[in-house]
Amino acid sequence: RYICCWYYPCSAVNTPASRPLTRRSKSYGRSCVEAPSYFWQTPGHLTVLKVPTSRGAAKSQLITNKVDPEHIALLVKNEWKLSYVTPLHHFRHTQLKSYSRHLAAFIAAENQQGVAVEVGLEAGFKVTFTAVLGLAETDEDAETVFIQIQSKPAFAAAADAPKVVWRGWLTCVNGDPEYLRSLPSDFVSLPLFCTSGSESLTTLVKTWFERAFDCNFGSLALNSTTLNWLAALWTGCHPTCNIRHLKLAWSLPTQPPLDVSYTVNPQDAWELWNSIHPEESTDDKIDIKEVQSFINGLETHFFRHFKIYLSAGTLVKVSTALGSAHLDGKIKIGNSDYITTLLTLLTESALLKMPT
């Protein structure tokens, strides 16, 4: 079952103990004799990461003043699947051209061995690693790295341009400073990994990274608390940037399951938020209790009209003109001026999700 409702009332690049040697049967971009990672025994593992109960309000910034507009254009509008990745051992931003060659060679080799990549793309691959300078917010943040894979269809004409078949990027924005400072100098933390493309290519890219930098990947599902934060932070931006709508989706544990879509007029959503966290407030910090009050207010209004307790279900998606986020770990960036707010929250989620 599915319910859809609308609520409109009358009106320079940062790359931030002796070890036994081990041998590998294959090497893609590193020596065959190398020191294994003991990251889980490093101080970084011992640093306790705490879930923040307050954070600063979202603020607009003309991000293209410090980040190449062409790079920003690669990040917005696409849908990205999220993963977390543990710190990269001996990763260097100065070696991106070398990494491009090694990853392309790895994908080609796996393809020749019969690993399915994508139908019709057997003619070769071009991989490009690019440093996206300017997204880092602190000295501890490493600069974002964008990866693009291009390929020609097997029967393409020589003059045909290769097409982009996969994109991904690793980033760290406002990462926990205590945690980042606790890492040994030969580790780089880019905990948030966003991908767009076939699952088979995503798997190959992750495999290459794991072999080359002794890291581990895991899926990054978002929780309802993160979605609540985004709903409140984005709504608070409405006076300076028209969010156009606040769309929320819940899943209720009924038999059969009931999906509820709830669209709120942006001005009314903002007035509710402003009654909880006044715009003229001198305190720039937003508390989790204010966020919960905002969501409770929306749920209460819905109950008055439809006699359905949304609080009994799970918030699974939040969407405005600034972006969207889904519980299963899929996001879209709709407006680059507020990208820092989103990436800060997602970086935090990635760091908290890593194994302890």
Protein backbone atom coordinates (compact mmCIF):
# COMPACT_ATOMS: atom_id res chain seq x y z
CA ARG A 1 0.00 0.00 0.00
CA TYR A 2 1.12 3.55 -0.64
CA ILE A 3 -0.12 6.90 0.64
CA CYS A 4 0.95 10.15 -1.00
CA CYS A 5 0.09 13.39 0.80
CA TRP A 6 0.73 17.08 0.19
CA TYR A 7 0.58 19.62 2.98
CA TYR A 8 -0.31 23.04 1.61
CA PRO A 9 -2.32 25.12 4.14
CA CYS A 10 -4.65 27.83 3.01
CA SER A 11 -2.16 29.78 1.45
CA ALA A 12 48.20 22.62 -2.09
CA VAL A 13 47.02 19.10 -1.76
CA ASN A 14 46.54 17.73 1.73
CA THR A 15 47.83 14.22 2.34
CA PRO A 16 47.54 14.40 5.82
CA ALA A 17 57.26 1.46 14.12
CA SER A 18 59.02 -1.19 12.26
CA ARG A 19 56.86 -3.88 10.64
CA PRO A 20 57.48 -7.45 9.41
CA LEU A 21 57.52 -7.95 5.65
CA THR A 22 54.96 -9.97 3.75
CA ARG A 23 54.84 -11.13 0.12
CA ARG A 24 51.97 -10.86 -2.29
CA SER A 25 51.35 -12.98 -5.35
CA LYS A 26 50.26 -9.93 -7.34
CA SER A 27 50.97 -6.24 -7.12
CA TYR A 28 49.07 -3.39 -8.71
CA GLY A 29 50.86 -0.16 -7.97
CA ARG A 30 52.98 -1.30 -5.02
CA SER A 31 56.07 -3.38 -4.41
CA CYS A 32 55.64 -7.15 -4.13
CA VAL A 33 57.50 -6.98 -0.82
CA GLU A 34 55.80 -4.59 1.53
CA ALA A 35 54.83 -3.94 5.10
CA PRO A 36 51.30 -5.05 6.02
CA SER A 37 48.93 -2.56 7.58
CA TYR A 38 48.40 -2.76 11.30
CA PHE A 39 45.88 0.04 11.32
CA TRP A 40 43.65 -1.66 13.88
CA GLN A 41 46.60 -1.50 16.30
CA THR A 42 47.26 2.21 15.72
CA PRO A 43 46.14 5.09 17.96
CA GLY A 44 43.45 5.88 15.37
CA HIS A 45 41.67 2.71 16.42
CA LEU A 46 41.76 3.72 20.06
CA THR A 47 40.17 7.14 19.53
CA VAL A 48 36.52 7.08 20.58
CA LEU A 49 34.23 8.82 18.10
CA LYS A 50 31.11 10.32 19.65
CA VAL A 51 27.83 11.13 17.92
CA PRO A 52 27.41 14.94 18.08
CA THR A 53 24.24 16.17 19.78
CA SER A 54 24.54 19.64 18.26
CA ARG A 55 25.98 21.21 15.14
CA GLY A 56 26.14 24.56 13.37
CA ALA A 57 23.32 25.72 11.12
CA ALA A 58 23.78 25.22 7.38
CA LYS A 59 25.33 28.25 5.74
CA SER A 60 25.56 29.12 2.08
CA GLN A 61 28.99 29.56 0.57
CA LEU A 62 29.87 30.15 -3.05
CA ILE A 63 31.90 26.96 -3.26
CA THR A 64 33.07 27.73 -6.81
CA ASN A 65 35.20 30.51 -5.33
CA LYS A 66 37.55 27.87 -3.95
CA VAL A 67 36.73 24.73 -5.98
CA ASP A 68 37.02 24.43 -9.76
CA PRO A 69 33.44 24.80 -11.14
CA GLU A 70 34.10 21.90 -13.54
CA HIS A 71 34.92 19.68 -10.56
CA ILE A 72 31.80 20.78 -8.69
CA ALA A 73 29.70 20.03 -11.79
CA LEU A 74 30.87 16.41 -11.57
CA LEU A 75 29.47 16.07 -8.05
CA VAL A 76 26.03 17.66 -8.34
CA LYS A 77 22.84 16.22 -9.87
CA ASN A 78 24.11 12.61 -10.04
CA GLU A 79 22.83 9.95 -7.64
CA TRP A 80 25.65 8.50 -5.54
CA LYS A 81 25.78 5.23 -3.64
CA LEU A 82 27.63 5.59 -0.34
CA SER A 83 30.31 3.41 1.26
CA TYR A 84 32.79 3.95 4.03
CA VAL A 85 36.48 3.14 3.66
CA THR A 86 39.10 2.69 6.36
CA PRO A 87 42.31 4.79 6.21
CA LEU A 88 44.51 4.28 3.15
CA HIS A 89 48.04 3.08 3.83
CA HIS A 90 50.76 4.91 1.86
CA PHE A 91 48.25 6.76 -0.33
CA ARG A 92 49.79 9.88 -1.86
CA HIS A 93 47.99 12.65 -3.76
CA THR A 94 51.19 13.21 -5.72
CA GLN A 95 50.87 9.75 -7.30
CA LEU A 96 47.43 10.07 -8.87
CA LYS A 97 48.69 9.64 -12.45
CA SER A 98 50.40 6.42 -11.46
CA TYR A 99 47.23 5.19 -9.73
CA SER A 100 45.27 5.91 -12.93
CA ARG A 101 47.54 3.61 -14.94
CA HIS A 102 47.59 0.84 -12.34
CA LEU A 103 43.82 0.76 -11.85
CA ALA A 104 43.25 0.71 -15.64
CA ALA A 105 45.70 -2.19 -15.95
CA PHE A 106 44.00 -4.03 -13.09
CA ILE A 107 40.52 -3.69 -14.63
CA ALA A 108 41.82 -4.82 -18.03
CA ALA A 109 43.58 -7.82 -16.47
CA GLU A 110 40.49 -8.87 -14.52
CA ASN A 111 38.37 -8.45 -17.65
CA GLN A 112 40.73 -10.72 -19.63
CA GLN A 113 40.46 -13.34 -16.90
CA GLY A 114 36.72 -13.48 -17.40
CA VAL A 115 35.50 -11.11 -14.70
CA ALA A 116 32.28 -9.51 -15.95
CA VAL A 117 32.67 -5.76 -16.23
CA GLU A 118 29.89 -4.43 -18.46
CA VAL A 119 28.44 -5.81 -21.66
CA GLY A 120 30.01 -4.28 -24.76
CA LEU A 121 32.88 -2.55 -23.00
CA GLU A 122 35.72 -4.91 -23.80
CA ALA A 123 37.76 -2.50 -25.92
CA GLY A 124 39.85 -1.05 -23.09
CA PHE A 125 39.55 1.35 -20.23
CA LYS A 126 40.91 4.77 -19.42
CA VAL A 127 41.04 5.71 -15.74
CA THR A 128 41.58 9.24 -14.46
CA PHE A 129 42.31 10.21 -10.85
CA THR A 130 41.83 13.93 -10.12
CA ALA A 131 42.39 15.92 -6.94
CA VAL A 132 39.38 18.12 -6.21
CA LEU A 133 41.07 20.95 -4.37
CA GLY A 134 39.15 23.21 -1.99
CA LEU A 135 36.51 20.92 -0.47
CA ALA A 136 38.67 20.25 2.59
CA GLU A 137 37.55 22.48 5.46
CA THR A 138 40.34 21.93 8.00
CA ASP A 139 44.07 21.25 7.98
CA GLU A 140 43.35 17.67 9.04
CA ASP A 141 41.03 16.97 6.07
CA ALA A 142 42.70 15.32 3.09
CA GLU A 143 41.74 16.71 -0.31
CA THR A 144 38.97 14.96 -2.22
CA VAL A 145 39.94 12.52 -4.99
CA PHE A 146 37.65 12.00 -8.00
CA ILE A 147 37.94 8.87 -10.18
CA GLN A 148 36.49 8.48 -13.66
CA ILE A 149 36.49 5.41 -15.88
CA GLN A 150 35.92 5.71 -19.63
CA SER A 151 35.57 3.00 -22.24
CA LYS A 152 34.69 2.50 -25.89
CA PRO A 153 32.13 -0.09 -26.96
CA ALA A 154 33.80 -3.11 -28.53
CA PHE A 155 32.61 -2.25 -32.05
CA ALA A 156 32.94 1.52 -31.88
CA ALA A 157 34.51 3.43 -34.74
CA ALA A 158 38.03 4.73 -34.23
CA ALA A 159 36.77 8.31 -34.26
CA ASP A 160 34.13 7.66 -31.57
CA ALA A 161 34.89 9.28 -28.24
CA PRO A 162 35.05 7.01 -25.19
CA LYS A 163 32.06 7.25 -22.88
CA VAL A 164 32.09 7.59 -19.11
CA VAL A 165 31.00 4.27 -17.60
CA TRP A 166 31.81 4.83 -13.92
CA ARG A 167 32.51 7.68 -11.48
CA GLY A 168 33.46 7.76 -7.86
CA TRP A 169 35.11 9.98 -5.28
CA LEU A 170 36.66 9.77 -1.85
CA THR A 171 36.34 12.68 0.53
CA CYS A 172 36.72 13.94 4.06
CA VAL A 173 35.01 17.19 5.07
CA ASN A 174 35.26 18.40 8.67
CA GLY A 175 36.39 14.98 9.83
CA ASP A 176 36.79 14.46 13.57
CA PRO A 177 40.07 16.32 14.27
CA GLU A 178 41.09 14.20 17.26
CA TYR A 179 40.64 11.02 15.27
CA LEU A 180 42.48 12.33 12.20
CA ARG A 181 45.40 13.62 14.27
CA SER A 182 45.69 10.24 15.99
CA LEU A 183 46.44 8.42 12.72
CA PRO A 184 50.07 7.56 11.93
CA SER A 185 51.63 9.72 9.23
CA ASP A 186 51.58 6.94 6.62
CA PHE A 187 47.77 6.76 6.66
CA VAL A 188 45.35 9.05 4.80
CA SER A 189 41.71 9.13 5.84
CA LEU A 190 39.15 9.69 3.08
CA PRO A 191 36.32 7.83 4.81
CA LEU A 192 33.42 8.67 2.49
CA PHE A 193 33.31 6.85 -0.86
CA CYS A 194 30.58 7.84 -3.35
CA THR A 195 30.03 5.83 -6.53
CA SER A 196 27.90 6.03 -9.67
CA GLY A 197 28.06 3.21 -12.21
CA SER A 198 27.83 -0.53 -12.54
CA GLU A 199 28.19 -2.65 -9.43
CA SER A 200 30.78 -4.82 -11.17
CA LEU A 201 33.10 -1.84 -11.77
CA THR A 202 32.51 -0.59 -8.21
CA THR A 203 33.58 -4.00 -6.92
CA LEU A 204 36.75 -3.96 -9.03
CA VAL A 205 37.68 -0.45 -7.91
CA LYS A 206 37.19 -1.40 -4.27
CA THR A 207 39.25 -4.57 -4.74
CA TRP A 208 42.12 -2.60 -6.27
CA PHE A 209 42.08 -0.08 -3.42
CA GLU A 210 42.04 -2.85 -0.82
CA ARG A 211 45.06 -4.52 -2.42
CA ALA A 212 46.96 -1.30 -3.06
CA PHE A 213 46.33 0.51 0.23
CA ASP A 214 45.42 -2.19 2.78
CA CYS A 215 42.00 -0.66 3.41
CA ASN A 216 38.49 -2.06 3.75
CA PHE A 217 35.15 -0.90 2.37
CA GLY A 218 31.66 -1.33 3.74
CA SER A 219 28.20 -0.17 2.73
CA LEU A 220 27.07 3.07 4.33
CA ALA A 221 23.37 3.00 5.07
CA LEU A 222 22.06 6.18 6.66
CA ASN A 223 19.87 6.17 9.76
CA SER A 224 16.72 8.11 10.57
CA THR A 225 18.62 10.49 12.85
CA THR A 226 20.83 11.57 9.94
CA LEU A 227 17.76 12.10 7.77
CA ASN A 228 16.12 14.11 10.57
CA TRP A 229 19.19 16.35 10.71
CA LEU A 230 19.13 16.92 6.96
CA ALA A 231 15.40 17.75 7.01
CA ALA A 232 15.97 20.39 9.70
CA LEU A 233 19.23 21.81 8.29
CA TRP A 234 17.88 22.10 4.76
CA THR A 235 14.58 23.64 5.94
CA GLY A 236 16.56 26.25 7.86
CA CYS A 237 18.11 27.37 4.55
CA HIS A 238 14.77 28.35 3.01
CA PRO A 239 14.98 32.13 3.66
CA THR A 240 18.28 32.37 1.76
CA CYS A 241 17.74 29.61 -0.81
CA ASN A 242 14.27 28.48 -1.85
CA ILE A 243 14.16 24.76 -1.03
CA ARG A 244 10.96 24.49 -3.18
CA HIS A 245 9.59 21.61 -1.14
CA LEU A 246 10.25 19.36 1.81
CA LYS A 247 9.46 15.79 0.82
CA LEU A 248 9.58 13.05 3.43
CA ALA A 249 8.91 9.35 3.06
CA TRP A 250 8.11 6.88 5.82
CA SER A 251 7.76 3.11 5.86
CA LEU A 252 5.24 1.76 8.38
CA PRO A 253 5.43 -1.82 9.70
CA THR A 254 1.88 -2.79 8.80
CA GLN A 255 0.64 -5.87 6.96
CA PRO A 256 1.06 -5.31 4.10
CA PRO A 257 3.75 -2.61 4.61
CA LEU A 258 2.52 0.95 4.18
CA ASP A 259 4.66 3.61 2.44
CA VAL A 260 3.76 7.23 3.13
CA SER A 261 4.97 10.18 1.06
CA TYR A 262 4.55 13.56 2.78
CA THR A 263 5.20 16.83 0.90
CA VAL A 264 5.25 20.02 2.95
CA ASN A 265 5.03 23.56 1.65
CA PRO A 266 8.54 25.03 2.15
CA GLN A 267 7.36 28.25 3.83
CA ASP A 268 5.20 26.34 6.29
CA ALA A 269 8.03 23.93 7.02
CA TRP A 270 10.33 26.89 7.67
CA GLU A 271 7.80 28.63 9.94
CA LEU A 272 7.56 25.46 12.03
CA TRP A 273 11.35 25.29 12.21
CA ASN A 274 11.60 29.00 13.01
CA SER A 275 9.19 28.56 15.93
CA ILE A 276 11.62 25.99 17.35
CA HIS A 277 14.93 27.61 16.39
CA PRO A 278 14.24 31.34 15.79
CA GLU A 279 16.12 32.92 12.90
CA GLU A 280 17.17 35.84 15.09
CA SER A 281 18.65 33.49 17.69
CA THR A 282 22.20 34.45 18.69
CA ASP A 283 23.08 30.78 19.16
CA ASP A 284 24.29 29.37 15.84
CA LYS A 285 24.22 25.84 17.24
CA ILE A 286 21.29 23.51 16.58
CA ASP A 287 20.55 20.86 19.20
CA ILE A 288 19.26 17.37 18.45
CA LYS A 289 16.25 18.12 20.67
CA GLU A 290 15.26 20.95 18.32
CA VAL A 291 15.55 18.58 15.36
CA GLN A 292 13.36 16.02 17.11
CA SER A 293 10.79 18.71 17.95
CA PHE A 294 10.68 19.71 14.28
CA ILE A 295 10.05 16.15 13.09
CA ASN A 296 7.52 15.59 15.88
CA GLY A 297 5.67 18.73 14.75
CA LEU A 298 5.42 17.40 11.19
CA GLU A 299 4.26 13.99 12.43
CA THR A 300 1.65 15.56 14.73
CA HIS A 301 0.18 17.62 11.90
CA PHE A 302 -0.03 14.51 9.73
CA PHE A 303 -1.82 12.60 12.49
CA ARG A 304 -4.44 15.34 12.87
CA HIS A 305 -5.43 14.91 9.21
CA PHE A 306 -4.95 11.19 8.56
CA LYS A 307 -4.91 9.50 12.01
CA ILE A 308 -1.67 7.73 11.15
CA TYR A 309 1.25 7.65 13.59
CA LEU A 310 4.30 8.26 11.44
CA SER A 311 6.43 7.89 14.57
CA ALA A 312 5.56 4.19 14.54
CA GLY A 313 7.43 3.81 11.25
CA THR A 314 10.85 4.66 9.85
CA LEU A 315 11.79 7.82 7.98
CA VAL A 316 13.45 6.51 4.81
CA LYS A 317 13.95 9.56 2.57
CA VAL A 318 14.32 13.33 2.74
CA SER A 319 14.32 15.56 -0.34
CA THR A 320 14.50 19.29 -1.06
CA ALA A 321 15.91 21.36 -3.91
CA LEU A 322 19.23 21.28 -2.03
CA GLY A 323 19.51 17.51 -2.27
CA SER A 324 18.08 14.17 -1.26
CA ALA A 325 19.14 11.29 0.94
CA HIS A 326 17.77 7.78 1.31
CA LEU A 327 18.07 5.35 4.18
CA ASP A 328 19.76 2.78 1.91
CA GLY A 329 22.75 5.10 1.40
CA LYS A 330 21.90 6.95 -1.80
CA ILE A 331 22.24 10.72 -2.08
CA LYS A 332 21.91 13.53 -4.60
CA ILE A 333 23.50 16.95 -4.31
CA GLY A 334 21.10 19.52 -5.72
CA ASN A 335 22.87 22.76 -4.81
CA SER A 336 26.63 23.16 -4.52
CA ASP A 337 26.35 26.18 -2.18
CA TYR A 338 25.32 23.86 0.68
CA ILE A 339 27.52 20.90 -0.24
CA THR A 340 29.73 21.39 2.83
CA THR A 341 26.82 20.81 5.22
CA LEU A 342 25.89 17.55 3.51
CA LEU A 343 29.44 16.22 3.22
CA THR A 344 30.21 17.09 6.84
CA LEU A 345 27.25 15.00 7.98
CA LEU A 346 28.14 12.13 5.64
CA THR A 347 31.82 12.17 6.64
CA GLU A 348 30.71 11.88 10.26
CA SER A 349 28.43 8.95 9.37
CA ALA A 350 31.25 7.17 7.53
CA LEU A 351 33.69 7.55 10.42
CA LEU A 352 31.12 6.29 12.91
CA LYS A 353 30.26 3.27 10.72
CA MET A 354 33.85 1.98 10.48
CA PRO A 355 34.56 -1.21 12.45
CA THR A 356 35.89 -0.76 15.98
